[in-house]
Amino acid sequence: MRFLSILFLIALLSACGQAKLEPLPANAVILAYGDSLTFGTGAAAGEDYPTQLSRLIAHPVINAGVPGETTAQGLQRLNETLDEVKPKLVLLGLGGNDFLQRLPPEETKANLALMLNELKRRNIPVILLAVPSLAIPPKPHPLFAEVAEQADVVLAEEQWFDILPKGSLKSDAVHPNAAGYAQFAAAMAEFLKEQGAVRD
């Protein structure tokens, strides 16, 4: 009996450490906020991941991706974008251009933390998307897990990394093609269901 009680306590503590999402109301707007991977560089109009994700989950997904944007630039335009869109969930995917410009990781972490703090202040749930570091093959930079844990937000860590190493899903050395964005959208739709944000 004592053993079962210990197992239950471990399971409970593990569950408490995992951020989860509340179900989104019908027609709730999702904001995809990021850089060229969000914008859809490498694919035609309508083939970006936010547009394809919207079709899969029956929620509006607003594409607020800006190619070349760093976390510092994303921080500067965040409030205005939130005021305009009024999202019920944010998919935050910034940091790749910080790595390309070899900006200090502590600066990237600080900017992401400030954005997450603002979203928490506004009571807007968020999924932090891990984006590629400069490693070959691409892999998630550990700072994303650190920031997500500190802010207690959901982290989508693997989704890009099932796509970016595959030449058949790429339009260039950095960006997916339409098929790559479609695969990412499908992975995010499944992730949103797993997290409880949307239903089948």
N, C-alpha and C. Protein backbone atom coordinates (compact mmCIF):
# COMPACT_ATOMS: atom_id res chain seq x y z
N MET A 1 0.83 -1.21 0.00
CA MET A 1 0.00 0.00 0.00
C MET A 1 0.88 1.27 0.00
N ARG A 2 1.93 1.21 0.83
CA ARG A 2 2.84 2.35 0.89
C ARG A 2 3.51 2.59 -0.47
N PHE A 3 3.86 1.47 -1.14
CA PHE A 3 4.49 1.57 -2.47
C PHE A 3 3.56 2.24 -3.47
N LEU A 4 2.27 1.85 -3.46
CA LEU A 4 1.29 2.45 -4.37
C LEU A 4 1.11 3.94 -4.09
N SER A 5 1.15 4.31 -2.81
CA SER A 5 1.01 5.72 -2.45
C SER A 5 2.17 6.54 -2.99
N ILE A 6 3.38 5.95 -2.93
CA ILE A 6 4.57 6.64 -3.45
C ILE A 6 4.47 6.81 -4.96
N LEU A 7 4.01 5.75 -5.65
CA LEU A 7 3.84 5.84 -7.10
C LEU A 7 2.83 6.92 -7.47
N PHE A 8 1.74 7.00 -6.74
CA PHE A 8 0.71 8.01 -7.01
C PHE A 8 1.27 9.41 -6.82
N LEU A 9 2.07 9.59 -5.74
CA LEU A 9 2.66 10.90 -5.47
C LEU A 9 3.62 11.32 -6.58
N ILE A 10 4.43 10.37 -7.07
CA ILE A 10 5.36 10.67 -8.16
C ILE A 10 4.61 11.08 -9.41
N ALA A 11 3.54 10.34 -9.73
CA ALA A 11 2.73 10.66 -10.91
C ALA A 11 2.09 12.03 -10.78
N LEU A 12 1.62 12.34 -9.58
CA LEU A 12 0.98 13.64 -9.36
C LEU A 12 1.96 14.77 -9.52
N LEU A 13 3.16 14.61 -8.97
CA LEU A 13 4.19 15.65 -9.09
C LEU A 13 4.62 15.83 -10.53
N SER A 14 4.71 14.75 -11.28
CA SER A 14 5.09 14.84 -12.69
C SER A 14 4.04 15.61 -13.48
N ALA A 15 2.77 15.33 -13.20
CA ALA A 15 1.68 16.01 -13.91
C ALA A 15 1.67 17.49 -13.60
N CYS A 16 2.00 17.83 -12.35
CA CYS A 16 1.99 19.25 -11.96
C CYS A 16 3.06 20.03 -12.69
N GLY A 17 4.13 19.35 -13.11
CA GLY A 17 5.22 20.04 -13.77
C GLY A 17 5.01 20.24 -15.26
N GLN A 18 3.88 19.80 -15.80
CA GLN A 18 3.64 19.90 -17.23
C GLN A 18 2.55 20.91 -17.51
N ALA A 19 2.91 22.00 -18.19
CA ALA A 19 1.90 23.00 -18.54
C ALA A 19 0.91 22.39 -19.53
N LYS A 20 -0.36 22.72 -19.35
CA LYS A 20 -1.40 22.24 -20.25
C LYS A 20 -2.23 23.43 -20.71
N LEU A 21 -3.06 23.20 -21.73
CA LEU A 21 -3.87 24.27 -22.30
C LEU A 21 -5.34 23.99 -22.06
N GLU A 22 -6.10 25.06 -21.88
CA GLU A 22 -7.56 24.96 -21.79
C GLU A 22 -8.14 24.86 -23.20
N PRO A 23 -9.30 24.21 -23.35
CA PRO A 23 -9.93 24.15 -24.68
C PRO A 23 -10.26 25.56 -25.20
N LEU A 24 -9.96 25.79 -26.45
CA LEU A 24 -10.26 27.09 -27.06
C LEU A 24 -11.75 27.21 -27.36
N PRO A 25 -12.33 28.39 -27.13
CA PRO A 25 -13.73 28.59 -27.54
C PRO A 25 -13.86 28.48 -29.06
N ALA A 26 -15.07 28.22 -29.52
CA ALA A 26 -15.32 28.15 -30.96
C ALA A 26 -14.89 29.45 -31.63
N ASN A 27 -14.22 29.33 -32.75
CA ASN A 27 -13.76 30.47 -33.56
C ASN A 27 -12.73 31.34 -32.85
N ALA A 28 -12.14 30.86 -31.76
CA ALA A 28 -11.09 31.62 -31.10
C ALA A 28 -9.90 31.81 -32.04
N VAL A 29 -9.34 33.00 -32.03
CA VAL A 29 -8.23 33.34 -32.93
C VAL A 29 -6.90 32.91 -32.32
N ILE A 30 -6.09 32.24 -33.13
CA ILE A 30 -4.73 31.86 -32.76
C ILE A 30 -3.76 32.78 -33.51
N LEU A 31 -2.76 33.27 -32.82
CA LEU A 31 -1.73 34.11 -33.43
C LEU A 31 -0.45 33.31 -33.60
N ALA A 32 0.00 33.15 -34.85
CA ALA A 32 1.30 32.55 -35.14
C ALA A 32 2.30 33.69 -35.27
N TYR A 33 3.21 33.78 -34.31
CA TYR A 33 4.10 34.94 -34.19
C TYR A 33 5.54 34.46 -34.34
N GLY A 34 6.22 34.96 -35.36
CA GLY A 34 7.58 34.48 -35.56
C GLY A 34 8.29 35.15 -36.71
N ASP A 35 9.20 34.39 -37.32
CA ASP A 35 10.04 34.93 -38.39
C ASP A 35 9.69 34.28 -39.72
N SER A 36 10.69 33.98 -40.55
CA SER A 36 10.41 33.47 -41.89
C SER A 36 9.78 32.08 -41.88
N LEU A 37 10.05 31.28 -40.86
CA LEU A 37 9.42 29.96 -40.77
C LEU A 37 7.92 30.09 -40.54
N THR A 38 7.51 31.15 -39.86
CA THR A 38 6.09 31.43 -39.68
C THR A 38 5.52 32.10 -40.93
N PHE A 39 6.25 33.03 -41.47
CA PHE A 39 5.80 33.75 -42.67
C PHE A 39 5.52 32.81 -43.83
N GLY A 40 6.38 31.79 -43.98
CA GLY A 40 6.20 30.83 -45.07
C GLY A 40 7.19 31.00 -46.20
N THR A 41 8.35 31.59 -45.91
CA THR A 41 9.38 31.72 -46.93
C THR A 41 9.71 30.36 -47.53
N GLY A 42 9.74 30.31 -48.86
CA GLY A 42 10.01 29.05 -49.54
C GLY A 42 8.78 28.37 -50.10
N ALA A 43 7.61 28.93 -49.83
CA ALA A 43 6.36 28.35 -50.34
C ALA A 43 5.49 29.48 -50.90
N ALA A 44 4.51 29.11 -51.67
CA ALA A 44 3.60 30.09 -52.26
C ALA A 44 2.60 30.59 -51.23
N ALA A 45 1.91 31.67 -51.56
CA ALA A 45 0.88 32.21 -50.68
C ALA A 45 -0.16 31.13 -50.39
N GLY A 46 -0.55 31.04 -49.14
CA GLY A 46 -1.53 30.04 -48.73
C GLY A 46 -0.93 28.69 -48.38
N GLU A 47 0.40 28.54 -48.56
CA GLU A 47 1.06 27.29 -48.23
C GLU A 47 1.89 27.40 -46.95
N ASP A 48 1.85 28.56 -46.30
CA ASP A 48 2.53 28.74 -45.02
C ASP A 48 1.86 27.87 -43.95
N TYR A 49 2.56 27.60 -42.87
CA TYR A 49 1.99 26.69 -41.88
C TYR A 49 0.77 27.27 -41.16
N PRO A 50 0.70 28.59 -40.84
CA PRO A 50 -0.51 29.07 -40.17
C PRO A 50 -1.77 28.88 -41.01
N THR A 51 -1.69 29.15 -42.32
CA THR A 51 -2.85 28.97 -43.18
C THR A 51 -3.26 27.50 -43.24
N GLN A 52 -2.27 26.62 -43.37
CA GLN A 52 -2.58 25.20 -43.45
C GLN A 52 -3.10 24.67 -42.11
N LEU A 53 -2.55 25.17 -41.02
CA LEU A 53 -3.03 24.77 -39.70
C LEU A 53 -4.48 25.18 -39.49
N SER A 54 -4.83 26.38 -39.93
CA SER A 54 -6.20 26.87 -39.79
C SER A 54 -7.20 25.94 -40.45
N ARG A 55 -6.85 25.40 -41.61
CA ARG A 55 -7.74 24.49 -42.32
C ARG A 55 -7.95 23.19 -41.54
N LEU A 56 -6.94 22.78 -40.79
CA LEU A 56 -6.99 21.50 -40.09
C LEU A 56 -7.76 21.56 -38.77
N ILE A 57 -7.77 22.72 -38.13
CA ILE A 57 -8.36 22.80 -36.79
C ILE A 57 -9.60 23.68 -36.71
N ALA A 58 -10.01 24.25 -37.83
CA ALA A 58 -11.23 25.08 -37.89
C ALA A 58 -11.18 26.25 -36.91
N HIS A 59 -10.00 26.83 -36.76
CA HIS A 59 -9.82 28.07 -36.01
C HIS A 59 -9.05 29.05 -36.88
N PRO A 60 -9.37 30.33 -36.83
CA PRO A 60 -8.54 31.30 -37.55
C PRO A 60 -7.13 31.33 -36.96
N VAL A 61 -6.13 31.22 -37.82
CA VAL A 61 -4.73 31.33 -37.39
C VAL A 61 -4.11 32.48 -38.16
N ILE A 62 -3.81 33.56 -37.46
CA ILE A 62 -3.27 34.77 -38.07
C ILE A 62 -1.76 34.65 -38.21
N ASN A 63 -1.27 34.85 -39.43
CA ASN A 63 0.16 34.77 -39.69
C ASN A 63 0.80 36.13 -39.41
N ALA A 64 1.57 36.20 -38.34
CA ALA A 64 2.31 37.41 -38.00
C ALA A 64 3.81 37.11 -38.03
N GLY A 65 4.24 36.44 -39.10
CA GLY A 65 5.65 36.15 -39.29
C GLY A 65 6.34 37.24 -40.07
N VAL A 66 7.54 37.60 -39.65
CA VAL A 66 8.34 38.63 -40.32
C VAL A 66 9.71 38.04 -40.64
N PRO A 67 10.02 37.81 -41.92
CA PRO A 67 11.32 37.24 -42.27
C PRO A 67 12.48 38.08 -41.74
N GLY A 68 13.47 37.39 -41.20
CA GLY A 68 14.67 38.06 -40.70
C GLY A 68 14.55 38.61 -39.29
N GLU A 69 13.41 38.47 -38.67
CA GLU A 69 13.20 39.11 -37.36
C GLU A 69 13.95 38.38 -36.24
N THR A 70 14.55 39.16 -35.36
CA THR A 70 15.19 38.63 -34.16
C THR A 70 14.21 38.70 -32.99
N THR A 71 14.59 38.09 -31.88
CA THR A 71 13.73 38.16 -30.69
C THR A 71 13.58 39.60 -30.19
N ALA A 72 14.64 40.41 -30.32
CA ALA A 72 14.55 41.81 -29.89
C ALA A 72 13.52 42.56 -30.72
N GLN A 73 13.52 42.33 -32.03
CA GLN A 73 12.55 42.99 -32.91
C GLN A 73 11.14 42.46 -32.65
N GLY A 74 11.04 41.17 -32.40
CA GLY A 74 9.73 40.60 -32.08
C GLY A 74 9.16 41.17 -30.81
N LEU A 75 10.01 41.37 -29.83
CA LEU A 75 9.57 41.98 -28.58
C LEU A 75 9.02 43.38 -28.81
N GLN A 76 9.65 44.13 -29.69
CA GLN A 76 9.23 45.51 -29.94
C GLN A 76 7.83 45.60 -30.54
N ARG A 77 7.44 44.65 -31.39
CA ARG A 77 6.14 44.76 -32.05
C ARG A 77 5.06 43.90 -31.39
N LEU A 78 5.40 43.21 -30.31
CA LEU A 78 4.45 42.27 -29.72
C LEU A 78 3.18 42.93 -29.22
N ASN A 79 3.31 43.98 -28.43
CA ASN A 79 2.13 44.60 -27.84
C ASN A 79 1.15 45.10 -28.89
N GLU A 80 1.68 45.77 -29.90
CA GLU A 80 0.81 46.29 -30.97
C GLU A 80 0.09 45.16 -31.68
N THR A 81 0.79 44.06 -31.93
CA THR A 81 0.16 42.93 -32.61
C THR A 81 -0.92 42.30 -31.74
N LEU A 82 -0.64 42.13 -30.46
CA LEU A 82 -1.64 41.56 -29.55
C LEU A 82 -2.88 42.45 -29.46
N ASP A 83 -2.65 43.77 -29.41
CA ASP A 83 -3.79 44.70 -29.35
C ASP A 83 -4.65 44.59 -30.60
N GLU A 84 -4.01 44.39 -31.73
CA GLU A 84 -4.73 44.33 -33.00
C GLU A 84 -5.46 43.00 -33.18
N VAL A 85 -4.80 41.90 -32.89
CA VAL A 85 -5.35 40.57 -33.19
C VAL A 85 -6.25 40.05 -32.08
N LYS A 86 -5.90 40.34 -30.83
CA LYS A 86 -6.63 39.85 -29.66
C LYS A 86 -6.75 38.31 -29.68
N PRO A 87 -5.63 37.62 -29.73
CA PRO A 87 -5.67 36.16 -29.83
C PRO A 87 -6.05 35.49 -28.52
N LYS A 88 -6.53 34.26 -28.62
CA LYS A 88 -6.80 33.42 -27.46
C LYS A 88 -5.68 32.41 -27.22
N LEU A 89 -4.74 32.33 -28.15
CA LEU A 89 -3.57 31.45 -28.03
C LEU A 89 -2.50 32.00 -28.97
N VAL A 90 -1.25 31.95 -28.53
CA VAL A 90 -0.12 32.40 -29.35
C VAL A 90 0.85 31.25 -29.56
N LEU A 91 1.28 31.08 -30.81
CA LEU A 91 2.35 30.16 -31.15
C LEU A 91 3.60 31.00 -31.39
N LEU A 92 4.53 30.96 -30.48
CA LEU A 92 5.69 31.86 -30.51
C LEU A 92 6.91 31.12 -31.04
N GLY A 93 7.37 31.54 -32.23
CA GLY A 93 8.50 30.87 -32.88
C GLY A 93 9.58 31.84 -33.31
N LEU A 94 10.36 32.33 -32.38
CA LEU A 94 11.46 33.25 -32.67
C LEU A 94 12.76 32.73 -32.06
N GLY A 95 13.87 33.18 -32.62
CA GLY A 95 15.18 32.82 -32.09
C GLY A 95 16.15 32.38 -33.17
N GLY A 96 15.64 31.90 -34.30
CA GLY A 96 16.51 31.41 -35.36
C GLY A 96 17.44 32.48 -35.90
N ASN A 97 16.94 33.69 -36.07
CA ASN A 97 17.79 34.76 -36.60
C ASN A 97 18.79 35.26 -35.57
N ASP A 98 18.46 35.11 -34.29
CA ASP A 98 19.46 35.40 -33.25
C ASP A 98 20.65 34.47 -33.42
N PHE A 99 20.36 33.18 -33.68
CA PHE A 99 21.45 32.21 -33.86
C PHE A 99 22.26 32.53 -35.11
N LEU A 100 21.56 32.87 -36.20
CA LEU A 100 22.26 33.19 -37.45
C LEU A 100 23.17 34.42 -37.29
N GLN A 101 22.71 35.38 -36.49
CA GLN A 101 23.50 36.58 -36.25
C GLN A 101 24.47 36.42 -35.09
N ARG A 102 24.49 35.22 -34.51
CA ARG A 102 25.38 34.90 -33.40
C ARG A 102 25.24 35.90 -32.25
N LEU A 103 23.99 36.23 -31.95
CA LEU A 103 23.71 37.08 -30.80
C LEU A 103 23.87 36.26 -29.52
N PRO A 104 24.16 36.90 -28.41
CA PRO A 104 24.37 36.16 -27.15
C PRO A 104 23.11 35.37 -26.75
N PRO A 105 23.24 34.09 -26.43
CA PRO A 105 22.08 33.30 -26.01
C PRO A 105 21.33 33.90 -24.83
N GLU A 106 22.03 34.53 -23.91
CA GLU A 106 21.35 35.14 -22.76
C GLU A 106 20.42 36.26 -23.19
N GLU A 107 20.81 36.97 -24.27
CA GLU A 107 19.95 38.02 -24.80
C GLU A 107 18.69 37.42 -25.42
N THR A 108 18.86 36.32 -26.15
CA THR A 108 17.70 35.64 -26.73
C THR A 108 16.76 35.15 -25.65
N LYS A 109 17.31 34.50 -24.62
CA LYS A 109 16.51 34.02 -23.50
C LYS A 109 15.74 35.15 -22.83
N ALA A 110 16.43 36.27 -22.62
CA ALA A 110 15.79 37.40 -21.94
C ALA A 110 14.63 37.95 -22.76
N ASN A 111 14.82 38.07 -24.07
CA ASN A 111 13.75 38.60 -24.93
C ASN A 111 12.55 37.65 -24.96
N LEU A 112 12.82 36.35 -25.08
CA LEU A 112 11.72 35.39 -25.05
C LEU A 112 10.99 35.44 -23.72
N ALA A 113 11.74 35.54 -22.63
CA ALA A 113 11.12 35.61 -21.30
C ALA A 113 10.23 36.84 -21.16
N LEU A 114 10.68 37.97 -21.71
CA LEU A 114 9.87 39.19 -21.64
C LEU A 114 8.58 39.04 -22.44
N MET A 115 8.65 38.40 -23.59
CA MET A 115 7.44 38.17 -24.39
C MET A 115 6.48 37.23 -23.66
N LEU A 116 7.02 36.18 -23.07
CA LEU A 116 6.17 35.25 -22.33
C LEU A 116 5.56 35.92 -21.10
N ASN A 117 6.31 36.79 -20.45
CA ASN A 117 5.77 37.52 -19.30
C ASN A 117 4.61 38.42 -19.71
N GLU A 118 4.75 39.07 -20.87
CA GLU A 118 3.67 39.94 -21.34
C GLU A 118 2.43 39.13 -21.68
N LEU A 119 2.61 37.98 -22.30
CA LEU A 119 1.47 37.12 -22.61
C LEU A 119 0.80 36.62 -21.33
N LYS A 120 1.60 36.28 -20.34
CA LYS A 120 1.03 35.85 -19.06
C LYS A 120 0.28 37.00 -18.40
N ARG A 121 0.84 38.20 -18.48
CA ARG A 121 0.18 39.38 -17.90
C ARG A 121 -1.18 39.60 -18.53
N ARG A 122 -1.30 39.31 -19.82
CA ARG A 122 -2.56 39.47 -20.54
C ARG A 122 -3.44 38.22 -20.44
N ASN A 123 -2.96 37.22 -19.74
CA ASN A 123 -3.70 35.96 -19.59
C ASN A 123 -3.95 35.28 -20.93
N ILE A 124 -2.94 35.33 -21.81
CA ILE A 124 -3.01 34.66 -23.11
C ILE A 124 -2.11 33.44 -23.08
N PRO A 125 -2.65 32.23 -23.23
CA PRO A 125 -1.80 31.05 -23.26
C PRO A 125 -0.90 31.04 -24.48
N VAL A 126 0.22 30.32 -24.36
CA VAL A 126 1.22 30.35 -25.43
C VAL A 126 1.86 28.97 -25.55
N ILE A 127 2.22 28.64 -26.79
CA ILE A 127 3.09 27.49 -27.06
C ILE A 127 4.39 28.05 -27.61
N LEU A 128 5.49 27.72 -26.96
CA LEU A 128 6.81 28.15 -27.42
C LEU A 128 7.32 27.10 -28.40
N LEU A 129 7.67 27.54 -29.61
CA LEU A 129 8.17 26.65 -30.65
C LEU A 129 9.69 26.70 -30.67
N ALA A 130 10.33 25.57 -30.43
CA ALA A 130 11.78 25.51 -30.56
C ALA A 130 12.15 25.59 -32.04
N VAL A 131 13.06 26.49 -32.36
CA VAL A 131 13.49 26.66 -33.75
C VAL A 131 14.97 26.28 -33.87
N PRO A 132 15.48 26.09 -35.10
CA PRO A 132 16.81 25.51 -35.26
C PRO A 132 17.94 26.39 -34.74
N SER A 133 18.91 25.74 -34.12
CA SER A 133 20.19 26.37 -33.83
C SER A 133 21.08 26.18 -35.06
N LEU A 134 22.35 26.46 -34.93
CA LEU A 134 23.27 26.34 -36.06
C LEU A 134 23.88 24.94 -36.16
N ALA A 135 23.39 24.01 -35.36
CA ALA A 135 23.94 22.66 -35.36
C ALA A 135 23.63 21.93 -36.66
N ILE A 136 24.49 20.98 -37.03
CA ILE A 136 24.26 20.11 -38.19
C ILE A 136 24.35 18.67 -37.70
N PRO A 137 23.23 17.89 -37.82
CA PRO A 137 21.92 18.31 -38.30
C PRO A 137 21.23 19.25 -37.32
N PRO A 138 20.18 19.96 -37.78
CA PRO A 138 19.49 20.90 -36.89
C PRO A 138 18.94 20.18 -35.66
N LYS A 139 19.03 20.85 -34.52
CA LYS A 139 18.44 20.32 -33.30
C LYS A 139 18.00 21.49 -32.42
N PRO A 140 17.08 21.24 -31.48
CA PRO A 140 16.60 22.34 -30.65
C PRO A 140 17.71 22.89 -29.76
N HIS A 141 17.78 24.20 -29.68
CA HIS A 141 18.72 24.81 -28.74
C HIS A 141 18.17 24.61 -27.32
N PRO A 142 19.01 24.26 -26.35
CA PRO A 142 18.52 24.01 -24.99
C PRO A 142 17.87 25.21 -24.33
N LEU A 143 18.12 26.42 -24.84
CA LEU A 143 17.54 27.59 -24.18
C LEU A 143 16.02 27.58 -24.23
N PHE A 144 15.43 26.93 -25.25
CA PHE A 144 13.97 26.92 -25.34
C PHE A 144 13.36 26.11 -24.20
N ALA A 145 13.95 24.99 -23.88
CA ALA A 145 13.45 24.19 -22.76
C ALA A 145 13.63 24.95 -21.44
N GLU A 146 14.73 25.65 -21.32
CA GLU A 146 14.99 26.42 -20.10
C GLU A 146 13.96 27.54 -19.93
N VAL A 147 13.70 28.27 -21.01
CA VAL A 147 12.75 29.38 -20.95
C VAL A 147 11.34 28.86 -20.69
N ALA A 148 10.96 27.78 -21.37
CA ALA A 148 9.62 27.22 -21.19
C ALA A 148 9.41 26.75 -19.76
N GLU A 149 10.43 26.11 -19.18
CA GLU A 149 10.31 25.63 -17.81
C GLU A 149 10.19 26.79 -16.83
N GLN A 150 11.02 27.81 -17.03
CA GLN A 150 10.99 28.96 -16.13
C GLN A 150 9.66 29.70 -16.19
N ALA A 151 9.08 29.80 -17.40
CA ALA A 151 7.82 30.53 -17.58
C ALA A 151 6.61 29.63 -17.39
N ASP A 152 6.81 28.31 -17.26
CA ASP A 152 5.73 27.34 -17.12
C ASP A 152 4.77 27.42 -18.29
N VAL A 153 5.33 27.30 -19.50
CA VAL A 153 4.50 27.30 -20.71
C VAL A 153 4.76 26.01 -21.48
N VAL A 154 3.86 25.71 -22.39
CA VAL A 154 3.98 24.51 -23.22
C VAL A 154 5.09 24.72 -24.25
N LEU A 155 5.92 23.70 -24.43
CA LEU A 155 7.00 23.74 -25.40
C LEU A 155 6.75 22.70 -26.49
N ALA A 156 6.77 23.15 -27.75
CA ALA A 156 6.74 22.24 -28.90
C ALA A 156 8.17 22.14 -29.40
N GLU A 157 8.86 21.07 -29.03
CA GLU A 157 10.31 21.03 -29.22
C GLU A 157 10.75 20.26 -30.45
N GLU A 158 9.99 19.28 -30.88
CA GLU A 158 10.47 18.37 -31.91
C GLU A 158 9.91 18.61 -33.30
N GLN A 159 8.83 19.37 -33.42
CA GLN A 159 8.07 19.40 -34.68
C GLN A 159 8.89 19.87 -35.88
N TRP A 160 9.68 20.93 -35.72
CA TRP A 160 10.48 21.39 -36.86
C TRP A 160 11.58 20.39 -37.21
N PHE A 161 12.00 19.62 -36.24
CA PHE A 161 13.20 18.80 -36.43
C PHE A 161 12.87 17.43 -37.03
N ASP A 162 11.60 17.18 -37.27
CA ASP A 162 11.21 16.05 -38.10
C ASP A 162 11.17 16.44 -39.57
N ILE A 163 11.34 17.73 -39.86
CA ILE A 163 11.17 18.27 -41.21
C ILE A 163 12.48 18.82 -41.76
N LEU A 164 13.16 19.63 -40.98
CA LEU A 164 14.29 20.42 -41.50
C LEU A 164 15.49 19.60 -41.95
N PRO A 165 15.74 18.40 -41.41
CA PRO A 165 16.87 17.62 -41.96
C PRO A 165 16.57 16.94 -43.30
N LYS A 166 15.33 16.99 -43.77
CA LYS A 166 14.94 16.24 -44.97
C LYS A 166 14.93 17.14 -46.20
N GLY A 167 15.81 16.86 -47.16
CA GLY A 167 15.90 17.67 -48.37
C GLY A 167 14.62 17.71 -49.16
N SER A 168 13.84 16.63 -49.12
CA SER A 168 12.59 16.59 -49.89
C SER A 168 11.54 17.53 -49.35
N LEU A 169 11.73 18.02 -48.13
CA LEU A 169 10.77 18.94 -47.50
C LEU A 169 11.31 20.36 -47.41
N LYS A 170 12.43 20.64 -48.09
CA LYS A 170 13.08 21.95 -48.00
C LYS A 170 13.03 22.68 -49.33
N SER A 171 12.94 24.01 -49.26
CA SER A 171 13.03 24.84 -50.46
C SER A 171 14.43 25.42 -50.62
N ASP A 172 15.16 25.52 -49.52
CA ASP A 172 16.55 25.98 -49.53
C ASP A 172 17.23 25.41 -48.29
N ALA A 173 18.39 25.94 -47.96
CA ALA A 173 19.14 25.39 -46.83
C ALA A 173 18.44 25.60 -45.49
N VAL A 174 17.55 26.57 -45.42
CA VAL A 174 16.95 26.95 -44.14
C VAL A 174 15.46 26.65 -44.09
N HIS A 175 14.74 26.89 -45.18
CA HIS A 175 13.28 26.93 -45.14
C HIS A 175 12.62 25.69 -45.73
N PRO A 176 11.48 25.30 -45.17
CA PRO A 176 10.70 24.22 -45.78
C PRO A 176 10.08 24.65 -47.11
N ASN A 177 9.62 23.66 -47.86
CA ASN A 177 8.76 23.92 -49.01
C ASN A 177 7.31 23.73 -48.59
N ALA A 178 6.40 23.75 -49.54
CA ALA A 178 4.97 23.64 -49.19
C ALA A 178 4.69 22.33 -48.45
N ALA A 179 5.31 21.24 -48.90
CA ALA A 179 5.10 19.95 -48.24
C ALA A 179 5.63 19.96 -46.81
N GLY A 180 6.77 20.64 -46.61
CA GLY A 180 7.33 20.75 -45.27
C GLY A 180 6.43 21.54 -44.34
N TYR A 181 5.90 22.67 -44.84
CA TYR A 181 4.98 23.45 -44.01
C TYR A 181 3.70 22.66 -43.73
N ALA A 182 3.25 21.88 -44.70
CA ALA A 182 2.05 21.06 -44.50
C ALA A 182 2.29 20.03 -43.40
N GLN A 183 3.48 19.41 -43.41
CA GLN A 183 3.78 18.43 -42.37
C GLN A 183 3.86 19.09 -41.00
N PHE A 184 4.45 20.28 -40.95
CA PHE A 184 4.53 20.99 -39.67
C PHE A 184 3.13 21.35 -39.17
N ALA A 185 2.27 21.83 -40.08
CA ALA A 185 0.91 22.18 -39.69
C ALA A 185 0.17 20.96 -39.14
N ALA A 186 0.34 19.82 -39.79
CA ALA A 186 -0.31 18.60 -39.32
C ALA A 186 0.21 18.19 -37.94
N ALA A 187 1.52 18.33 -37.74
CA ALA A 187 2.12 18.00 -36.44
C ALA A 187 1.60 18.93 -35.36
N MET A 188 1.46 20.22 -35.69
CA MET A 188 0.95 21.17 -34.70
C MET A 188 -0.53 20.95 -34.42
N ALA A 189 -1.29 20.57 -35.42
CA ALA A 189 -2.71 20.27 -35.19
C ALA A 189 -2.83 19.11 -34.20
N GLU A 190 -2.02 18.08 -34.39
CA GLU A 190 -2.03 16.93 -33.48
C GLU A 190 -1.57 17.35 -32.09
N PHE A 191 -0.55 18.20 -32.03
CA PHE A 191 -0.03 18.66 -30.74
C PHE A 191 -1.09 19.47 -29.99
N LEU A 192 -1.81 20.33 -30.70
CA LEU A 192 -2.87 21.12 -30.06
C LEU A 192 -3.97 20.22 -29.50
N LYS A 193 -4.27 19.14 -30.20
CA LYS A 193 -5.25 18.18 -29.69
C LYS A 193 -4.72 17.46 -28.45
N GLU A 194 -3.47 17.05 -28.50
CA GLU A 194 -2.87 16.37 -27.36
C GLU A 194 -2.85 17.27 -26.12
N GLN A 195 -2.63 18.56 -26.33
CA GLN A 195 -2.56 19.51 -25.23
C GLN A 195 -3.94 19.96 -24.75
N GLY A 196 -4.98 19.56 -25.45
CA GLY A 196 -6.34 19.89 -25.02
C GLY A 196 -6.88 21.20 -25.54
N ALA A 197 -6.13 21.88 -26.41
CA ALA A 197 -6.57 23.18 -26.91
C ALA A 197 -7.68 23.07 -27.94
N VAL A 198 -7.61 22.04 -28.80
CA VAL A 198 -8.65 21.84 -29.81
C VAL A 198 -9.11 20.39 -29.75
N ARG A 199 -10.29 20.16 -30.29
CA ARG A 199 -10.86 18.82 -30.28
C ARG A 199 -10.81 18.22 -31.68
N ASP A 200 -10.93 16.91 -31.75
CA ASP A 200 -10.97 16.22 -33.04
C ASP A 200 -12.18 16.66 -33.85
